[in-house]
């Protein structure tokens, strides 16, 4: 049986929440790495590359935030007009 539109939209939001969390964790790890390299007097090239990776991770967090907002908005709009008989409590909780 194919997933319903409600399941598809809910699963998309769940996946984006998980990905956003992973990127936030990655940013923290990269910040710690940069701080450690700087504190230990690491190679200038290594510090520069670590900062570039950190910048890229931070850009991904911003991108994922926008994407998550878009999908949450689509789910909210869908729920406002939904007339089906599926339980929407899980989808509602994803909007919080």
N, C-alpha and C. Protein backbone atom coordinates (compact mmCIF):
# COMPACT_ATOMS: atom_id res chain seq x y z
N UNK A 1 0.84 -1.18 0.00
CA UNK A 1 0.00 0.00 0.00
C UNK A 1 0.89 1.24 0.00
N UNK A 2 0.59 2.15 -0.86
CA UNK A 2 1.37 3.38 -0.99
C UNK A 2 1.11 4.30 0.20
N UNK A 3 2.13 5.04 0.61
CA UNK A 3 1.92 5.97 1.72
C UNK A 3 0.97 7.10 1.31
N UNK A 4 0.23 7.57 2.28
CA UNK A 4 -0.70 8.67 2.03
C UNK A 4 0.06 9.99 1.95
N UNK A 5 -0.57 11.01 1.40
CA UNK A 5 0.08 12.34 1.37
C UNK A 5 0.45 12.83 2.77
N UNK A 6 -0.38 12.51 3.76
CA UNK A 6 -0.07 12.90 5.14
C UNK A 6 1.20 12.21 5.61
N UNK A 7 1.33 10.93 5.34
CA UNK A 7 2.53 10.19 5.75
C UNK A 7 3.77 10.73 5.03
N UNK A 8 3.63 11.02 3.76
CA UNK A 8 4.76 11.54 2.99
C UNK A 8 5.24 12.87 3.55
N UNK A 9 4.31 13.78 3.81
CA UNK A 9 4.68 15.09 4.34
C UNK A 9 5.25 14.98 5.75
N UNK A 10 4.65 14.13 6.58
CA UNK A 10 5.15 13.94 7.95
C UNK A 10 6.54 13.33 7.95
N UNK A 11 6.75 12.31 7.12
CA UNK A 11 8.05 11.66 7.07
C UNK A 11 9.13 12.60 6.54
N UNK A 12 8.77 13.48 5.61
CA UNK A 12 9.73 14.46 5.11
C UNK A 12 10.17 15.39 6.23
N UNK A 13 9.22 15.86 7.02
CA UNK A 13 9.56 16.76 8.13
C UNK A 13 10.42 16.02 9.16
N UNK A 14 10.08 14.78 9.47
CA UNK A 14 10.87 13.99 10.43
C UNK A 14 12.31 13.84 9.95
N UNK A 15 12.47 13.51 8.67
CA UNK A 15 13.80 13.33 8.11
C UNK A 15 14.60 14.62 8.18
N UNK A 16 13.97 15.74 7.86
CA UNK A 16 14.67 17.02 7.90
C UNK A 16 15.04 17.42 9.32
N UNK A 17 14.20 17.08 10.28
CA UNK A 17 14.53 17.35 11.69
C UNK A 17 15.78 16.57 12.08
N UNK A 18 15.83 15.29 11.68
CA UNK A 18 16.99 14.46 11.99
C UNK A 18 18.25 14.99 11.32
N UNK A 19 18.14 15.36 10.04
CA UNK A 19 19.30 15.88 9.32
C UNK A 19 19.78 17.18 9.94
N UNK A 20 18.86 18.04 10.33
CA UNK A 20 19.24 19.31 10.95
C UNK A 20 20.00 19.06 12.25
N UNK A 21 19.53 18.10 13.03
CA UNK A 21 20.22 17.77 14.28
C UNK A 21 21.64 17.27 14.00
N UNK A 22 21.78 16.44 12.98
CA UNK A 22 23.11 15.93 12.62
C UNK A 22 24.05 17.07 12.21
N UNK A 23 23.53 18.01 11.44
CA UNK A 23 24.36 19.15 11.03
C UNK A 23 24.71 20.03 12.23
N UNK A 24 23.79 20.20 13.17
CA UNK A 24 24.11 20.97 14.37
C UNK A 24 25.20 20.29 15.18
N UNK A 25 25.12 18.97 15.29
CA UNK A 25 26.17 18.21 15.98
C UNK A 25 27.50 18.36 15.26
N UNK A 26 27.47 18.33 13.94
CA UNK A 26 28.68 18.48 13.15
C UNK A 26 29.31 19.86 13.37
N UNK A 27 28.50 20.88 13.46
CA UNK A 27 29.02 22.23 13.72
C UNK A 27 29.74 22.26 15.06
N UNK A 28 29.13 21.66 16.07
CA UNK A 28 29.77 21.65 17.40
C UNK A 28 31.10 20.91 17.36
N UNK A 29 31.13 19.76 16.69
CA UNK A 29 32.38 19.01 16.58
C UNK A 29 33.45 19.82 15.86
N UNK A 30 33.05 20.50 14.80
CA UNK A 30 34.02 21.29 14.04
C UNK A 30 34.51 22.50 14.83
N UNK A 31 33.63 23.10 15.63
CA UNK A 31 34.07 24.20 16.49
C UNK A 31 35.11 23.72 17.50
N UNK A 32 34.86 22.56 18.07
CA UNK A 32 35.81 21.99 19.03
C UNK A 32 37.14 21.68 18.36
N UNK A 33 37.09 21.16 17.13
CA UNK A 33 38.32 20.85 16.41
C UNK A 33 39.11 22.12 16.13
N UNK A 34 38.45 23.16 15.66
CA UNK A 34 39.14 24.42 15.38
C UNK A 34 39.76 24.97 16.67
N UNK A 35 39.00 24.96 17.75
CA UNK A 35 39.52 25.47 19.03
C UNK A 35 40.73 24.66 19.49
N UNK A 36 40.66 23.34 19.32
CA UNK A 36 41.77 22.47 19.74
C UNK A 36 43.00 22.75 18.89
N UNK A 37 42.81 22.87 17.58
CA UNK A 37 43.95 23.15 16.70
C UNK A 37 44.59 24.48 17.04
N UNK A 38 43.75 25.49 17.30
CA UNK A 38 44.29 26.81 17.65
C UNK A 38 44.99 26.78 19.00
N UNK A 39 44.42 26.08 19.96
CA UNK A 39 45.02 26.01 21.30
C UNK A 39 46.34 25.24 21.28
N UNK A 40 46.42 24.22 20.44
CA UNK A 40 47.64 23.41 20.37
C UNK A 40 48.69 24.00 19.44
N UNK A 41 48.35 25.15 18.84
CA UNK A 41 49.30 25.76 17.91
C UNK A 41 49.46 24.92 16.66
N UNK A 42 48.36 24.43 16.15
CA UNK A 42 48.38 23.57 14.97
C UNK A 42 48.85 24.28 13.73
N UNK A 43 49.07 23.51 12.70
CA UNK A 43 49.52 24.02 11.42
C UNK A 43 48.48 25.01 10.87
N UNK A 44 48.96 26.10 10.30
CA UNK A 44 48.08 27.14 9.77
C UNK A 44 47.16 26.58 8.70
N UNK A 45 47.68 25.72 7.84
CA UNK A 45 46.88 25.13 6.78
C UNK A 45 45.76 24.26 7.37
N UNK A 46 46.07 23.46 8.39
CA UNK A 46 45.06 22.61 9.02
C UNK A 46 43.96 23.44 9.67
N UNK A 47 44.36 24.54 10.31
CA UNK A 47 43.38 25.42 10.95
C UNK A 47 42.48 26.05 9.89
N UNK A 48 43.09 26.50 8.80
CA UNK A 48 42.33 27.12 7.71
C UNK A 48 41.32 26.13 7.14
N UNK A 49 41.74 24.91 6.89
CA UNK A 49 40.84 23.90 6.33
C UNK A 49 39.74 23.55 7.32
N UNK A 50 40.07 23.45 8.60
CA UNK A 50 39.06 23.15 9.62
C UNK A 50 38.02 24.26 9.69
N UNK A 51 38.46 25.51 9.53
CA UNK A 51 37.52 26.63 9.53
C UNK A 51 36.63 26.60 8.29
N UNK A 52 37.19 26.19 7.16
CA UNK A 52 36.38 26.07 5.95
C UNK A 52 35.30 25.00 6.11
N UNK A 53 35.67 23.90 6.73
CA UNK A 53 34.69 22.83 6.97
C UNK A 53 33.62 23.33 7.93
N UNK A 54 34.02 24.07 8.96
CA UNK A 54 33.07 24.65 9.90
C UNK A 54 32.11 25.61 9.19
N UNK A 55 32.65 26.47 8.34
CA UNK A 55 31.80 27.41 7.59
C UNK A 55 30.79 26.66 6.73
N UNK A 56 31.24 25.61 6.07
CA UNK A 56 30.34 24.83 5.23
C UNK A 56 29.24 24.17 6.06
N UNK A 57 29.60 23.66 7.22
CA UNK A 57 28.60 23.05 8.11
C UNK A 57 27.59 24.08 8.58
N UNK A 58 28.06 25.26 8.90
CA UNK A 58 27.15 26.33 9.33
C UNK A 58 26.20 26.75 8.21
N UNK A 59 26.70 26.78 6.98
CA UNK A 59 25.83 27.08 5.84
C UNK A 59 24.78 25.99 5.66
N UNK A 60 25.15 24.75 5.89
CA UNK A 60 24.19 23.65 5.77
C UNK A 60 23.11 23.74 6.84
N UNK A 61 23.47 24.18 8.04
CA UNK A 61 22.48 24.35 9.11
C UNK A 61 21.47 25.41 8.68
N UNK A 62 21.96 26.51 8.12
CA UNK A 62 21.06 27.58 7.66
C UNK A 62 20.16 27.06 6.53
N UNK A 63 20.73 26.33 5.60
CA UNK A 63 19.96 25.78 4.48
C UNK A 63 18.91 24.79 4.99
N UNK A 64 19.30 23.92 5.90
CA UNK A 64 18.36 22.93 6.43
C UNK A 64 17.25 23.62 7.21
N UNK A 65 17.56 24.71 7.89
CA UNK A 65 16.54 25.46 8.61
C UNK A 65 15.48 26.01 7.66
N UNK A 66 15.93 26.56 6.54
CA UNK A 66 14.98 27.09 5.55
C UNK A 66 14.15 25.96 4.95
N UNK A 67 14.80 24.86 4.63
CA UNK A 67 14.11 23.72 4.05
C UNK A 67 13.09 23.14 5.03
N UNK A 68 13.47 23.06 6.28
CA UNK A 68 12.57 22.56 7.32
C UNK A 68 11.37 23.48 7.48
N UNK A 69 11.61 24.78 7.47
CA UNK A 69 10.50 25.74 7.57
C UNK A 69 9.54 25.59 6.40
N UNK A 70 10.09 25.40 5.21
CA UNK A 70 9.25 25.22 4.02
C UNK A 70 8.38 23.97 4.15
N UNK A 71 8.99 22.88 4.56
CA UNK A 71 8.22 21.62 4.68
C UNK A 71 7.22 21.67 5.83
N UNK A 72 7.59 22.33 6.91
CA UNK A 72 6.62 22.48 8.01
C UNK A 72 5.44 23.32 7.56
N UNK A 73 5.71 24.36 6.79
CA UNK A 73 4.63 25.19 6.25
C UNK A 73 3.72 24.40 5.35
N UNK A 74 4.30 23.54 4.50
CA UNK A 74 3.50 22.71 3.60
C UNK A 74 2.65 21.72 4.40
N UNK A 75 3.22 21.16 5.45
CA UNK A 75 2.47 20.23 6.30
C UNK A 75 1.35 20.95 7.02
N UNK A 76 1.63 22.15 7.52
CA UNK A 76 0.60 22.93 8.22
C UNK A 76 -0.56 23.26 7.28
N UNK A 77 -0.23 23.70 6.09
CA UNK A 77 -1.25 24.02 5.09
C UNK A 77 -2.07 22.78 4.75
N UNK A 78 -1.39 21.66 4.59
CA UNK A 78 -2.08 20.41 4.29
C UNK A 78 -3.03 20.03 5.41
N UNK A 79 -2.57 20.15 6.66
CA UNK A 79 -3.41 19.78 7.81
C UNK A 79 -4.63 20.69 7.95
N UNK A 80 -4.47 21.95 7.57
CA UNK A 80 -5.60 22.88 7.67
C UNK A 80 -6.75 22.50 6.74
N UNK A 81 -6.42 21.85 5.64
CA UNK A 81 -7.46 21.49 4.67
C UNK A 81 -7.75 19.98 4.65
N UNK A 82 -7.07 19.22 5.51
CA UNK A 82 -7.20 17.75 5.49
C UNK A 82 -8.56 17.32 6.01
N UNK A 83 -9.21 16.47 5.26
CA UNK A 83 -10.53 15.98 5.63
C UNK A 83 -10.54 14.45 5.80
N UNK A 84 -9.39 13.82 5.75
CA UNK A 84 -9.29 12.37 5.85
C UNK A 84 -9.54 11.86 7.26
N UNK A 85 -9.45 10.56 7.42
CA UNK A 85 -9.74 9.94 8.71
C UNK A 85 -8.47 9.44 9.42
N UNK A 86 -7.29 9.77 8.90
CA UNK A 86 -6.04 9.37 9.55
C UNK A 86 -5.81 10.21 10.81
N UNK A 87 -5.10 9.62 11.76
CA UNK A 87 -4.74 10.34 12.98
C UNK A 87 -3.67 11.38 12.63
N UNK A 88 -3.95 12.62 12.95
CA UNK A 88 -3.03 13.72 12.61
C UNK A 88 -2.21 14.21 13.81
N UNK A 89 -2.31 13.52 14.93
CA UNK A 89 -1.63 14.01 16.14
C UNK A 89 -0.11 14.01 15.98
N UNK A 90 0.44 13.00 15.32
CA UNK A 90 1.89 12.97 15.12
C UNK A 90 2.32 14.11 14.21
N UNK A 91 1.57 14.34 13.15
CA UNK A 91 1.89 15.44 12.24
C UNK A 91 1.78 16.78 12.95
N UNK A 92 0.78 16.93 13.80
CA UNK A 92 0.62 18.17 14.57
C UNK A 92 1.82 18.39 15.48
N UNK A 93 2.32 17.31 16.08
CA UNK A 93 3.45 17.44 17.00
C UNK A 93 4.73 17.87 16.26
N UNK A 94 4.83 17.56 14.98
CA UNK A 94 6.01 17.96 14.19
C UNK A 94 6.03 19.45 13.90
N UNK A 95 4.87 20.11 14.06
CA UNK A 95 4.78 21.54 13.81
C UNK A 95 5.20 22.37 15.01
N UNK A 96 5.33 21.76 16.13
CA UNK A 96 5.69 22.48 17.36
C UNK A 96 7.16 22.78 17.43
